[in-house]
Structure formats: structure tokens, C-alpha cells
Amino acid sequence: MESIIQKYFFSDNENVDEENILERRISPYVTLRPGDLASLLKSALPFSHKPARNHGSSYRKIDTIFEKCPLGLSTGDSDDEKNENNEIICRGADQGHVPVEYRVKGLKRHEMPVIGFFVDRRICPGFQYQVRKIDSKSSLWGGKARTLQSIGMGYGRRLTFNSDLLNSNEFYFWSDSEPNGFAFSIQAVEVGQKFIIQDSMDSEIGEVTIKKLCGPQEEVSMDAGENGVIKRVHVTIMCGVTYYQRHNHGLKDLVSSKNEEVMTGEAVLSKPRSVREAKLASIDRIYLSRVGHCKLIPDF
């Protein structure tokens, strides 16, 4: 197959019907043809000669499927520049697809790439993402995070997000529609959410409300199996904290507190196979100066 692809890729044959290629690319039952690859990959990098590896659909502890090149940053770089990788190499063969490599520049440390054939394996339907074009600093859709509903088939893969309307959806794009690629960043928490504070003995001792997001939310691990997907996301948040004052007869009063406290932790997102959207289960590994180690449970 690879030799056929290379023959078309390096040939001078330009007699390709672009309209037919587009029709096949947008079909959910796409058939991969060497002529299609010849037109699609004219601007791509040379093929890797390593054999494709077919990974199973059931896996745990997802490994990173791209290679980070050295940063080489100086002490005078800004925070935004220090948060960017100079270059990332994405290999389609590592996902069992066409053995092509993409070099992505300008991706931030917490972001995951989508370009051409390649969709980062950590990007899963049912989770919320902010998306931006890699050559733009602004996120799509006014910066609003949206739930990814599906990742299509084929080599121009359609990514569809939730819509505010029931009979219309404009929130989608194809993985190969942006030459420089897209950057995905997961969103586990948002401003305004309320939580119950549980101490190390699982006793409810207060409540918090998120006032501000103090940094990017970065996925640190992902477990996937037959029962669903669990992700852990590092978050830094500023919260208004209110503690409970318990009485001997079991009742409790709210002790008003205007103090705002910055805290870091790991948000746990769970998506069973039977549901469409992931739910926030807790924020673990929280430390508060008044109570020590604790966790936050969503107050629905």
C-alpha cells in the first residue's frame, strides 16, 4: 500500500477530479484511494517508512502520541511564550493511519493537536473543549467551551460539537480543514460552580464557589476501558469559602467568610459508556489552610 501511495505522491499526475475527491472525503463511508492521497498530501511531509501499528480500542493509561522537540527558551521569554512548545511531531502511523508526519508549531503545553489525519487520542466525545486555530490566539465560538459529540470516520474527520439549537448545528469542522491545525484544551470546571468541602474523614465542613480560573486546565491522566472513560485534570481556581459551624444537637450554621482562597487540585471527570456527556465527580488533592487536605464535591 505504501509503495502505491508513494508512487502517486511523487508522480507528476495532476489529473485528479477535485469535486469527486471532496465528495468522497465528506462521506461517512469513505474509501481511501491512492489518487485521493496524492492530492491531499502534496503539501505534507515525506512518509515515514515505519510500519503502522494497530492499537486496540480498549486501552488504559493513554500514552502521548506525539513528540515534543526541545523548547530552547531564554530567560526573557514571556509567560505565553514559555507555555508554548516550539514544535511537535504528530505521526499518523502511531494511530494505525496513513504513515504521514505533521509538524505543529505554536501548541501550548496544555493543548492537544488536531491536524490532517491526526486527532490526538486524548480527545474524546462527551468532554468539553475550547478550540482555537493554532495560528490564532482567539478561541472559536467566542471562547466558549463546547461538548464534543462525535469524531467522524475517514481521513478528513468531522468533529461535531453540541449546539444550542435542536434542529440546527453550525459547530463542526473537519480535521484537515486548517493547514496549521487546531489546538484543543479540555475544560473540567468553570466560574460559578459550587462545591461542598469534605475533609479527610468525608465530613462536610463548608462550601466554596469558583470565582476565577487562575490558569489553564491540563489533562494529567486518562483511563479508558469497557465501562467508560475517566480523566483527571489539573486545575488552579480562586474560590469564595464558607465554613460550617456545627452545634451539639446536630444542626449547623453557615459562618460567613469573605475570604477568597486560591487552590489547586485534580478534577475527576467520569463518562460511563451509557451516557453521552462526562460529569465532574470531584476535585481531589485540595489543601486549605484552615482544614488541611480535603476534596470538593459538586453541589448540584
C-alpha atoms as a PDB file:
ATOM      1  CA  MET A   1       0.000   0.000   0.000  1.00  0.00           C
ATOM      2  CA  GLU A   2       2.788   2.402   0.963  1.00  0.00           C
ATOM      3  CA  SER A   3       4.610   1.893  -2.330  1.00  0.00           C
ATOM      4  CA  ILE A   4       1.418   2.678  -4.250  1.00  0.00           C
ATOM      5  CA  ILE A   5       0.890   5.817  -2.189  1.00  0.00           C
ATOM      6  CA  GLN A   6       4.464   6.959  -2.762  1.00  0.00           C
ATOM      7  CA  LYS A   7       4.113   6.341  -6.490  1.00  0.00           C
ATOM      8  CA  TYR A   8       1.144   8.676  -6.638  1.00  0.00           C
ATOM      9  CA  PHE A   9       2.574  11.099  -4.135  1.00  0.00           C
ATOM     10  CA  PHE A  10       5.815  11.713  -6.006  1.00  0.00           C
ATOM     11  CA  SER A  11       4.375  11.491  -9.519  1.00  0.00           C
ATOM     12  CA  ASP A  12       3.532  14.459 -11.713  1.00  0.00           C
ATOM     13  CA  ASN A  13      -0.006  13.264 -12.296  1.00  0.00           C
ATOM     14  CA  GLU A  14      -2.310  16.204 -11.659  1.00  0.00           C
ATOM     15  CA  ASN A  15      -5.399  14.823 -13.402  1.00  0.00           C
ATOM     16  CA  VAL A  16      -7.402  14.466 -10.211  1.00  0.00           C
ATOM     17  CA  ASP A  17     -11.079  15.279 -10.095  1.00  0.00           C
ATOM     18  CA  GLU A  18     -11.223  17.571  -7.045  1.00  0.00           C
ATOM     19  CA  GLU A  19     -15.014  17.561  -6.904  1.00  0.00           C
ATOM     20  CA  ASN A  20     -15.121  13.759  -6.642  1.00  0.00           C
ATOM     21  CA  ILE A  21     -12.389  13.804  -4.020  1.00  0.00           C
ATOM     22  CA  LEU A  22     -14.355  16.285  -1.907  1.00  0.00           C
ATOM     23  CA  GLU A  23     -17.481  14.146  -2.224  1.00  0.00           C
ATOM     24  CA  ARG A  24     -15.617  11.056  -1.009  1.00  0.00           C
ATOM     25  CA  ARG A  25     -13.933  12.921   1.839  1.00  0.00           C
ATOM     26  CA  ILE A  26     -17.203  14.099   3.360  1.00  0.00           C
ATOM     27  CA  SER A  27     -18.837  10.696   3.064  1.00  0.00           C
ATOM     28  CA  PRO A  28     -19.071   8.742   6.355  1.00  0.00           C
ATOM     29  CA  TYR A  29     -18.332   5.583   4.333  1.00  0.00           C
ATOM     30  CA  VAL A  30     -15.197   6.945   2.698  1.00  0.00           C
ATOM     31  CA  THR A  31     -12.971   4.647   0.662  1.00  0.00           C
ATOM     32  CA  LEU A  32      -9.276   5.506   0.792  1.00  0.00           C
ATOM     33  CA  ARG A  33      -7.814   5.757  -2.705  1.00  0.00           C
ATOM     34  CA  PRO A  34      -4.200   6.460  -3.740  1.00  0.00           C
ATOM     35  CA  GLY A  35      -5.309   9.264  -6.052  1.00  0.00           C
ATOM     36  CA  ASP A  36      -7.071  10.968  -3.148  1.00  0.00           C
ATOM     37  CA  LEU A  37      -3.923  10.791  -1.048  1.00  0.00           C
ATOM     38  CA  ALA A  38      -1.856  12.208  -3.872  1.00  0.00           C
ATOM     39  CA  SER A  39      -3.902  15.401  -3.956  1.00  0.00           C
ATOM     40  CA  LEU A  40      -4.374  15.668  -0.204  1.00  0.00           C
ATOM     41  CA  LEU A  41      -0.761  15.135   0.790  1.00  0.00           C
ATOM     42  CA  LYS A  42       1.040  17.268  -1.801  1.00  0.00           C
ATOM     43  CA  SER A  43       1.970  19.729   0.948  1.00  0.00           C
ATOM     44  CA  ALA A  44       2.619  17.114   3.642  1.00  0.00           C
ATOM     45  CA  LEU A  45       5.992  15.910   4.847  1.00  0.00           C
ATOM     46  CA  PRO A  46       7.577  12.727   3.459  1.00  0.00           C
ATOM     47  CA  PHE A  47       6.156   9.439   4.607  1.00  0.00           C
ATOM     48  CA  SER A  48       7.690   7.549   7.450  1.00  0.00           C
ATOM     49  CA  HIS A  49       8.917   4.092   6.497  1.00  0.00           C
ATOM     50  CA  LYS A  50       7.999   2.578   9.831  1.00  0.00           C
ATOM     51  CA  PRO A  51       5.143   0.052   9.702  1.00  0.00           C
ATOM     52  CA  ALA A  52       1.797   1.165  11.087  1.00  0.00           C
ATOM     53  CA  ARG A  53       0.815  -0.224  14.438  1.00  0.00           C
ATOM     54  CA  ASN A  54      -2.789  -1.084  15.039  1.00  0.00           C
ATOM     55  CA  HIS A  55      -3.730  -0.214  18.595  1.00  0.00           C
ATOM     56  CA  GLY A  56      -6.763  -1.832  20.169  1.00  0.00           C
ATOM     57  CA  SER A  57      -9.847   0.136  21.065  1.00  0.00           C
ATOM     58  CA  SER A  58      -9.630  -0.958  24.707  1.00  0.00           C
ATOM     59  CA  TYR A  59      -6.680   0.574  26.498  1.00  0.00           C
ATOM     60  CA  ARG A  60      -5.588   2.147  29.773  1.00  0.00           C
ATOM     61  CA  LYS A  61      -3.200   4.940  30.714  1.00  0.00           C
ATOM     62  CA  ILE A  62      -3.096   6.638  27.347  1.00  0.00           C
ATOM     63  CA  ASP A  63       0.435   7.469  26.173  1.00  0.00           C
ATOM     64  CA  THR A  64       1.231  10.685  24.389  1.00  0.00           C
ATOM     65  CA  ILE A  65       1.154  10.114  20.615  1.00  0.00           C
ATOM     66  CA  PHE A  66       3.382  13.000  19.649  1.00  0.00           C
ATOM     67  CA  GLU A  67       6.956  14.008  20.189  1.00  0.00           C
ATOM     68  CA  LYS A  68       7.942  17.312  21.763  1.00  0.00           C
ATOM     69  CA  CYS A  69      11.041  18.996  20.406  1.00  0.00           C
ATOM     70  CA  PRO A  70      13.342  20.986  22.741  1.00  0.00           C
ATOM     71  CA  LEU A  71      11.979  24.347  23.822  1.00  0.00           C
ATOM     72  CA  GLY A  72      15.178  26.367  23.909  1.00  0.00           C
ATOM     73  CA  LEU A  73      13.583  29.325  25.741  1.00  0.00           C
ATOM     74  CA  SER A  74      15.525  32.248  27.113  1.00  0.00           C
ATOM     75  CA  THR A  75      15.036  33.953  30.475  1.00  0.00           C
ATOM     76  CA  GLY A  76      13.448  36.929  28.754  1.00  0.00           C
ATOM     77  CA  ASP A  77      10.551  34.996  27.241  1.00  0.00           C
ATOM     78  CA  SER A  78       7.027  35.955  28.311  1.00  0.00           C
ATOM     79  CA  ASP A  79       4.697  33.586  30.199  1.00  0.00           C
ATOM     80  CA  ASP A  80       2.755  32.893  26.994  1.00  0.00           C
ATOM     81  CA  GLU A  81       5.962  32.058  25.126  1.00  0.00           C
ATOM     82  CA  LYS A  82       7.172  29.797  27.937  1.00  0.00           C
ATOM     83  CA  ASN A  83       3.838  27.963  27.753  1.00  0.00           C
ATOM     84  CA  GLU A  84       4.352  27.162  24.068  1.00  0.00           C
ATOM     85  CA  ASN A  85       6.271  24.299  22.519  1.00  0.00           C
ATOM     86  CA  ASN A  86       8.474  25.258  19.585  1.00  0.00           C
ATOM     87  CA  GLU A  87       7.461  22.196  17.598  1.00  0.00           C
ATOM     88  CA  ILE A  88       5.553  18.933  17.991  1.00  0.00           C
ATOM     89  CA  ILE A  89       5.715  15.983  15.606  1.00  0.00           C
ATOM     90  CA  CYS A  90       2.430  14.094  15.128  1.00  0.00           C
ATOM     91  CA  ARG A  91       2.675  10.677  13.486  1.00  0.00           C
ATOM     92  CA  GLY A  92      -0.356   9.144  11.823  1.00  0.00           C
ATOM     93  CA  ALA A  93       1.261   5.691  11.801  1.00  0.00           C
ATOM     94  CA  ASP A  94       1.241   5.656  15.612  1.00  0.00           C
ATOM     95  CA  GLN A  95      -2.556   5.619  15.444  1.00  0.00           C
ATOM     96  CA  GLY A  96      -2.782   2.970  12.739  1.00  0.00           C
ATOM     97  CA  HIS A  97      -3.498   5.522   9.994  1.00  0.00           C
ATOM     98  CA  VAL A  98      -1.594   6.617   6.892  1.00  0.00           C
ATOM     99  CA  PRO A  99       2.150   6.871   7.733  1.00  0.00           C
ATOM    100  CA  VAL A 100       2.437  10.639   7.418  1.00  0.00           C
ATOM    101  CA  GLU A 101       4.060  13.110   9.818  1.00  0.00           C
ATOM    102  CA  TYR A 102       2.872  16.603  10.709  1.00  0.00           C
ATOM    103  CA  ARG A 103       4.975  19.270  12.398  1.00  0.00           C
ATOM    104  CA  VAL A 104       2.842  21.507  14.607  1.00  0.00           C
ATOM    105  CA  LYS A 105       4.186  24.815  15.889  1.00  0.00           C
ATOM    106  CA  GLY A 106       2.665  27.135  18.492  1.00  0.00           C
ATOM    107  CA  LEU A 107       0.854  24.497  20.572  1.00  0.00           C
ATOM    108  CA  LYS A 108       0.667  25.324  24.282  1.00  0.00           C
ATOM    109  CA  ARG A 109       1.615  22.786  26.917  1.00  0.00           C
ATOM    110  CA  HIS A 110      -1.969  22.027  27.989  1.00  0.00           C
ATOM    111  CA  GLU A 111      -3.319  21.807  24.428  1.00  0.00           C
ATOM    112  CA  MET A 112      -3.827  18.745  22.215  1.00  0.00           C
ATOM    113  CA  PRO A 113      -3.349  18.797  18.422  1.00  0.00           C
ATOM    114  CA  VAL A 114      -5.724  18.027  15.560  1.00  0.00           C
ATOM    115  CA  ILE A 115      -4.246  18.278  12.069  1.00  0.00           C
ATOM    116  CA  GLY A 116      -4.818  16.447   8.787  1.00  0.00           C
ATOM    117  CA  PHE A 117      -5.344  12.738   9.520  1.00  0.00           C
ATOM    118  CA  PHE A 118      -4.204  13.151  13.124  1.00  0.00           C
ATOM    119  CA  VAL A 119      -6.566  13.560  16.094  1.00  0.00           C
ATOM    120  CA  ASP A 120      -4.871  13.340  19.490  1.00  0.00           C
ATOM    121  CA  ARG A 121      -6.045  10.140  21.185  1.00  0.00           C
ATOM    122  CA  ARG A 122      -6.851  12.003  24.419  1.00  0.00           C
ATOM    123  CA  ILE A 123      -9.607  13.936  22.627  1.00  0.00           C
ATOM    124  CA  CYS A 124     -12.832  12.031  23.353  1.00  0.00           C
ATOM    125  CA  PRO A 125     -16.535  12.612  22.648  1.00  0.00           C
ATOM    126  CA  GLY A 126     -18.507  13.563  25.740  1.00  0.00           C
ATOM    127  CA  PHE A 127     -15.944  16.008  27.164  1.00  0.00           C
ATOM    128  CA  GLN A 128     -15.876  19.803  26.910  1.00  0.00           C
ATOM    129  CA  TYR A 129     -13.132  21.547  24.934  1.00  0.00           C
ATOM    130  CA  GLN A 130     -12.083  25.017  23.972  1.00  0.00           C
ATOM    131  CA  VAL A 131     -10.767  25.050  20.411  1.00  0.00           C
ATOM    132  CA  ARG A 132      -8.597  27.513  18.533  1.00  0.00           C
ATOM    133  CA  LYS A 133      -6.812  27.556  15.223  1.00  0.00           C
ATOM    134  CA  ILE A 134      -3.135  27.157  16.013  1.00  0.00           C
ATOM    135  CA  ASP A 135      -2.213  30.300  14.079  1.00  0.00           C
ATOM    136  CA  SER A 136      -4.752  32.346  16.104  1.00  0.00           C
ATOM    137  CA  LYS A 137      -4.698  33.391  19.755  1.00  0.00           C
ATOM    138  CA  SER A 138      -8.512  33.571  19.933  1.00  0.00           C
ATOM    139  CA  SER A 139     -10.676  30.521  20.580  1.00  0.00           C
ATOM    140  CA  LEU A 140     -13.560  29.556  18.333  1.00  0.00           C
ATOM    141  CA  TRP A 141     -17.157  30.336  19.291  1.00  0.00           C
ATOM    142  CA  GLY A 142     -16.267  33.353  21.398  1.00  0.00           C
ATOM    143  CA  GLY A 143     -14.051  31.335  23.715  1.00  0.00           C
ATOM    144  CA  LYS A 144     -16.909  29.132  24.911  1.00  0.00           C
ATOM    145  CA  ALA A 145     -16.122  25.503  25.636  1.00  0.00           C
ATOM    146  CA  ARG A 146     -18.423  23.008  23.930  1.00  0.00           C
ATOM    147  CA  THR A 147     -19.040  19.301  24.370  1.00  0.00           C
ATOM    148  CA  LEU A 148     -17.555  17.167  21.612  1.00  0.00           C
ATOM    149  CA  GLN A 149     -20.332  14.909  20.324  1.00  0.00           C
ATOM    150  CA  SER A 150     -18.589  12.796  17.707  1.00  0.00           C
ATOM    151  CA  ILE A 151     -15.405  12.210  15.700  1.00  0.00           C
ATOM    152  CA  GLY A 152     -16.194  11.070  12.179  1.00  0.00           C
ATOM    153  CA  MET A 153     -14.671   8.365  10.011  1.00  0.00           C
ATOM    154  CA  GLY A 154     -12.322   8.744   7.068  1.00  0.00           C
ATOM    155  CA  TYR A 155      -9.156  10.769   6.639  1.00  0.00           C
ATOM    156  CA  GLY A 156     -10.896  14.151   6.683  1.00  0.00           C
ATOM    157  CA  ARG A 157     -12.527  13.528  10.060  1.00  0.00           C
ATOM    158  CA  ARG A 158     -15.537  15.627  11.016  1.00  0.00           C
ATOM    159  CA  LEU A 159     -15.578  16.816  14.635  1.00  0.00           C
ATOM    160  CA  THR A 160     -19.063  17.807  15.787  1.00  0.00           C
ATOM    161  CA  PHE A 161     -19.882  19.727  18.975  1.00  0.00           C
ATOM    162  CA  ASN A 162     -23.118  20.361  20.847  1.00  0.00           C
ATOM    163  CA  SER A 163     -25.419  23.072  19.540  1.00  0.00           C
ATOM    164  CA  ASP A 164     -27.736  25.484  21.329  1.00  0.00           C
ATOM    165  CA  LEU A 165     -30.447  24.664  18.769  1.00  0.00           C
ATOM    166  CA  LEU A 166     -32.235  21.345  18.380  1.00  0.00           C
ATOM    167  CA  ASN A 167     -32.773  21.496  14.613  1.00  0.00           C
ATOM    168  CA  SER A 168     -29.540  23.181  13.521  1.00  0.00           C
ATOM    169  CA  ASN A 169     -25.848  22.742  14.282  1.00  0.00           C
ATOM    170  CA  GLU A 170     -23.085  25.010  12.986  1.00  0.00           C
ATOM    171  CA  PHE A 171     -20.462  23.827  15.467  1.00  0.00           C
ATOM    172  CA  TYR A 172     -18.351  21.414  13.467  1.00  0.00           C
ATOM    173  CA  PHE A 173     -15.266  21.287  11.254  1.00  0.00           C
ATOM    174  CA  TRP A 174     -13.021  18.753   9.507  1.00  0.00           C
ATOM    175  CA  SER A 175      -9.664  17.764  10.941  1.00  0.00           C
ATOM    176  CA  ASP A 176      -7.875  18.665   7.686  1.00  0.00           C
ATOM    177  CA  SER A 177      -9.670  21.974   7.051  1.00  0.00           C
ATOM    178  CA  GLU A 178      -6.966  24.115   8.709  1.00  0.00           C
ATOM    179  CA  PRO A 179      -3.428  23.807   7.237  1.00  0.00           C
ATOM    180  CA  ASN A 180      -1.694  24.578  10.540  1.00  0.00           C
ATOM    181  CA  GLY A 181      -4.098  22.510  12.630  1.00  0.00           C
ATOM    182  CA  PHE A 182      -6.296  23.056  15.670  1.00  0.00           C
ATOM    183  CA  ALA A 183      -5.492  23.186  19.392  1.00  0.00           C
ATOM    184  CA  PHE A 184      -7.898  21.551  21.881  1.00  0.00           C
ATOM    185  CA  SER A 185      -7.891  22.301  25.606  1.00  0.00           C
ATOM    186  CA  ILE A 186     -10.145  20.410  27.995  1.00  0.00           C
ATOM    187  CA  GLN A 187     -12.454  22.258  30.388  1.00  0.00           C
ATOM    188  CA  ALA A 188     -13.343  20.480  33.618  1.00  0.00           C
ATOM    189  CA  VAL A 189     -14.539  23.399  35.782  1.00  0.00           C
ATOM    190  CA  GLU A 190     -15.961  26.861  35.174  1.00  0.00           C
ATOM    191  CA  VAL A 191     -16.698  30.070  37.065  1.00  0.00           C
ATOM    192  CA  GLY A 192     -19.850  29.948  39.205  1.00  0.00           C
ATOM    193  CA  GLN A 193     -19.764  26.261  40.097  1.00  0.00           C
ATOM    194  CA  LYS A 194     -20.443  25.420  43.749  1.00  0.00           C
ATOM    195  CA  PHE A 195     -18.929  22.601  45.788  1.00  0.00           C
ATOM    196  CA  ILE A 196     -19.209  21.016  49.230  1.00  0.00           C
ATOM    197  CA  ILE A 197     -15.940  20.720  51.160  1.00  0.00           C
ATOM    198  CA  GLN A 198     -15.255  17.250  52.569  1.00  0.00           C
ATOM    199  CA  ASP A 199     -12.384  16.721  54.986  1.00  0.00           C
ATOM    200  CA  SER A 200     -10.206  13.610  55.190  1.00  0.00           C
ATOM    201  CA  MET A 201     -12.971  11.875  57.210  1.00  0.00           C
ATOM    202  CA  ASP A 202     -15.575  12.653  54.490  1.00  0.00           C
ATOM    203  CA  SER A 203     -17.374  15.084  56.819  1.00  0.00           C
ATOM    204  CA  GLU A 204     -18.979  18.143  55.217  1.00  0.00           C
ATOM    205  CA  ILE A 205     -17.282  21.185  56.693  1.00  0.00           C
ATOM    206  CA  GLY A 206     -18.158  24.015  54.308  1.00  0.00           C
ATOM    207  CA  GLU A 207     -18.735  25.089  50.742  1.00  0.00           C
ATOM    208  CA  VAL A 208     -16.952  27.011  48.013  1.00  0.00           C
ATOM    209  CA  THR A 209     -17.893  28.890  44.850  1.00  0.00           C
ATOM    210  CA  ILE A 210     -15.451  29.285  41.969  1.00  0.00           C
ATOM    211  CA  LYS A 211     -14.792  33.000  41.395  1.00  0.00           C
ATOM    212  CA  LYS A 212     -11.946  32.817  38.904  1.00  0.00           C
ATOM    213  CA  LEU A 213      -9.921  30.355  36.835  1.00  0.00           C
ATOM    214  CA  CYS A 214      -6.268  31.089  37.590  1.00  0.00           C
ATOM    215  CA  GLY A 215      -4.593  29.108  34.847  1.00  0.00           C
ATOM    216  CA  PRO A 216      -5.059  26.580  32.061  1.00  0.00           C
ATOM    217  CA  GLN A 217      -6.724  23.261  32.813  1.00  0.00           C
ATOM    218  CA  GLU A 218      -4.348  20.468  31.855  1.00  0.00           C
ATOM    219  CA  GLU A 219      -5.208  16.795  31.469  1.00  0.00           C
ATOM    220  CA  VAL A 220      -2.796  14.691  33.514  1.00  0.00           C
ATOM    221  CA  SER A 221      -4.175  11.173  33.010  1.00  0.00           C
ATOM    222  CA  MET A 222      -6.857   9.183  31.218  1.00  0.00           C
ATOM    223  CA  ASP A 223      -8.166   5.693  31.968  1.00  0.00           C
ATOM    224  CA  ALA A 224     -10.339   4.033  29.332  1.00  0.00           C
ATOM    225  CA  GLY A 225     -11.900   0.607  29.295  1.00  0.00           C
ATOM    226  CA  GLU A 226     -15.083  -1.349  28.779  1.00  0.00           C
ATOM    227  CA  ASN A 227     -17.001   0.671  31.380  1.00  0.00           C
ATOM    228  CA  GLY A 228     -16.105   4.130  30.095  1.00  0.00           C
ATOM    229  CA  VAL A 229     -13.521   6.886  30.431  1.00  0.00           C
ATOM    230  CA  ILE A 230     -12.125   8.668  33.491  1.00  0.00           C
ATOM    231  CA  LYS A 231      -9.938  11.754  33.122  1.00  0.00           C
ATOM    232  CA  ARG A 232      -8.003  13.696  35.738  1.00  0.00           C
ATOM    233  CA  VAL A 233      -7.411  17.381  35.017  1.00  0.00           C
ATOM    234  CA  HIS A 234      -5.100  19.726  36.921  1.00  0.00           C
ATOM    235  CA  VAL A 235      -6.897  22.979  37.847  1.00  0.00           C
ATOM    236  CA  THR A 236      -5.991  26.172  39.701  1.00  0.00           C
ATOM    237  CA  ILE A 237      -9.012  28.143  40.931  1.00  0.00           C
ATOM    238  CA  MET A 238      -9.856  31.083  43.169  1.00  0.00           C
ATOM    239  CA  CYS A 239     -12.873  30.368  45.382  1.00  0.00           C
ATOM    240  CA  GLY A 240     -15.003  32.110  47.952  1.00  0.00           C
ATOM    241  CA  VAL A 241     -15.002  29.837  51.024  1.00  0.00           C
ATOM    242  CA  THR A 242     -17.732  29.448  53.652  1.00  0.00           C
ATOM    243  CA  TYR A 243     -17.288  27.100  56.629  1.00  0.00           C
ATOM    244  CA  TYR A 244     -19.986  25.379  58.696  1.00  0.00           C
ATOM    245  CA  GLN A 245     -20.345  25.804  62.450  1.00  0.00           C
ATOM    246  CA  ARG A 246     -21.874  22.677  63.993  1.00  0.00           C
ATOM    247  CA  HIS A 247     -23.886  22.609  67.225  1.00  0.00           C
ATOM    248  CA  ASN A 248     -24.149  19.803  69.760  1.00  0.00           C
ATOM    249  CA  HIS A 249     -27.684  18.920  68.642  1.00  0.00           C
ATOM    250  CA  GLY A 250     -26.533  18.233  65.085  1.00  0.00           C
ATOM    251  CA  LEU A 251     -27.691  21.407  63.352  1.00  0.00           C
ATOM    252  CA  LYS A 252     -25.211  23.573  61.514  1.00  0.00           C
ATOM    253  CA  ASP A 253     -24.944  27.267  60.729  1.00  0.00           C
ATOM    254  CA  LEU A 254     -23.063  28.993  57.955  1.00  0.00           C
ATOM    255  CA  VAL A 255     -20.164  31.077  59.172  1.00  0.00           C
ATOM    256  CA  SER A 256     -19.931  33.839  56.609  1.00  0.00           C
ATOM    257  CA  SER A 257     -16.463  34.383  55.199  1.00  0.00           C
ATOM    258  CA  LYS A 258     -15.432  36.957  52.629  1.00  0.00           C
ATOM    259  CA  ASN A 259     -12.014  35.428  52.229  1.00  0.00           C
ATOM    260  CA  GLU A 260     -11.094  34.148  48.811  1.00  0.00           C
ATOM    261  CA  GLU A 261      -8.531  31.407  48.581  1.00  0.00           C
ATOM    262  CA  VAL A 262      -6.531  30.132  45.605  1.00  0.00           C
ATOM    263  CA  MET A 263      -6.342  26.347  45.477  1.00  0.00           C
ATOM    264  CA  THR A 264      -5.015  23.681  43.142  1.00  0.00           C
ATOM    265  CA  GLY A 265      -6.299  20.161  42.666  1.00  0.00           C
ATOM    266  CA  GLU A 266      -7.231  17.424  40.226  1.00  0.00           C
ATOM    267  CA  ALA A 267     -10.723  17.482  38.768  1.00  0.00           C
ATOM    268  CA  VAL A 268     -12.054  13.966  38.160  1.00  0.00           C
ATOM    269  CA  LEU A 269     -14.288  13.624  35.087  1.00  0.00           C
ATOM    270  CA  SER A 270     -16.238  10.410  34.543  1.00  0.00           C
ATOM    271  CA  LYS A 271     -18.065   9.289  31.404  1.00  0.00           C
ATOM    272  CA  PRO A 272     -19.686   5.836  31.556  1.00  0.00           C
ATOM    273  CA  ARG A 273     -20.374   4.182  28.205  1.00  0.00           C
ATOM    274  CA  SER A 274     -24.120   4.506  28.762  1.00  0.00           C
ATOM    275  CA  VAL A 275     -24.135   8.342  28.867  1.00  0.00           C
ATOM    276  CA  ARG A 276     -23.286  10.990  26.281  1.00  0.00           C
ATOM    277  CA  GLU A 277     -21.612  13.622  28.462  1.00  0.00           C
ATOM    278  CA  ALA A 278     -18.956  13.374  31.137  1.00  0.00           C
ATOM    279  CA  LYS A 279     -19.755  14.528  34.670  1.00  0.00           C
ATOM    280  CA  LEU A 280     -17.496  16.168  37.230  1.00  0.00           C
ATOM    281  CA  ALA A 281     -17.225  13.714  40.135  1.00  0.00           C
ATOM    282  CA  SER A 282     -14.923  15.687  42.447  1.00  0.00           C
ATOM    283  CA  ILE A 283     -11.858  17.872  42.751  1.00  0.00           C
ATOM    284  CA  ASP A 284      -9.263  15.899  44.702  1.00  0.00           C
ATOM    285  CA  ARG A 285      -5.961  16.824  46.339  1.00  0.00           C
ATOM    286  CA  ILE A 286      -7.171  20.193  47.613  1.00  0.00           C
ATOM    287  CA  TYR A 287      -5.347  21.843  50.503  1.00  0.00           C
ATOM    288  CA  LEU A 288      -6.981  24.598  52.571  1.00  0.00           C
ATOM    289  CA  SER A 289      -5.059  26.490  55.230  1.00  0.00           C
ATOM    290  CA  ARG A 290      -7.854  26.057  57.796  1.00  0.00           C
ATOM    291  CA  VAL A 291      -8.625  22.340  57.372  1.00  0.00           C
ATOM    292  CA  GLY A 292      -5.627  20.865  55.549  1.00  0.00           C
ATOM    293  CA  HIS A 293      -6.131  18.180  52.913  1.00  0.00           C
ATOM    294  CA  CYS A 294      -9.671  17.822  51.594  1.00  0.00           C
ATOM    295  CA  LYS A 295     -11.722  17.430  48.418  1.00  0.00           C
ATOM    296  CA  LEU A 296     -14.582  19.254  46.725  1.00  0.00           C
ATOM    297  CA  ILE A 297     -17.847  17.535  45.773  1.00  0.00           C
ATOM    298  CA  PRO A 298     -20.164  19.264  43.241  1.00  0.00           C
ATOM    299  CA  ASP A 299     -23.229  20.818  44.858  1.00  0.00           C
ATOM    300  CA  PHE A 300     -25.906  20.212  42.216  1.00  0.00           C
END
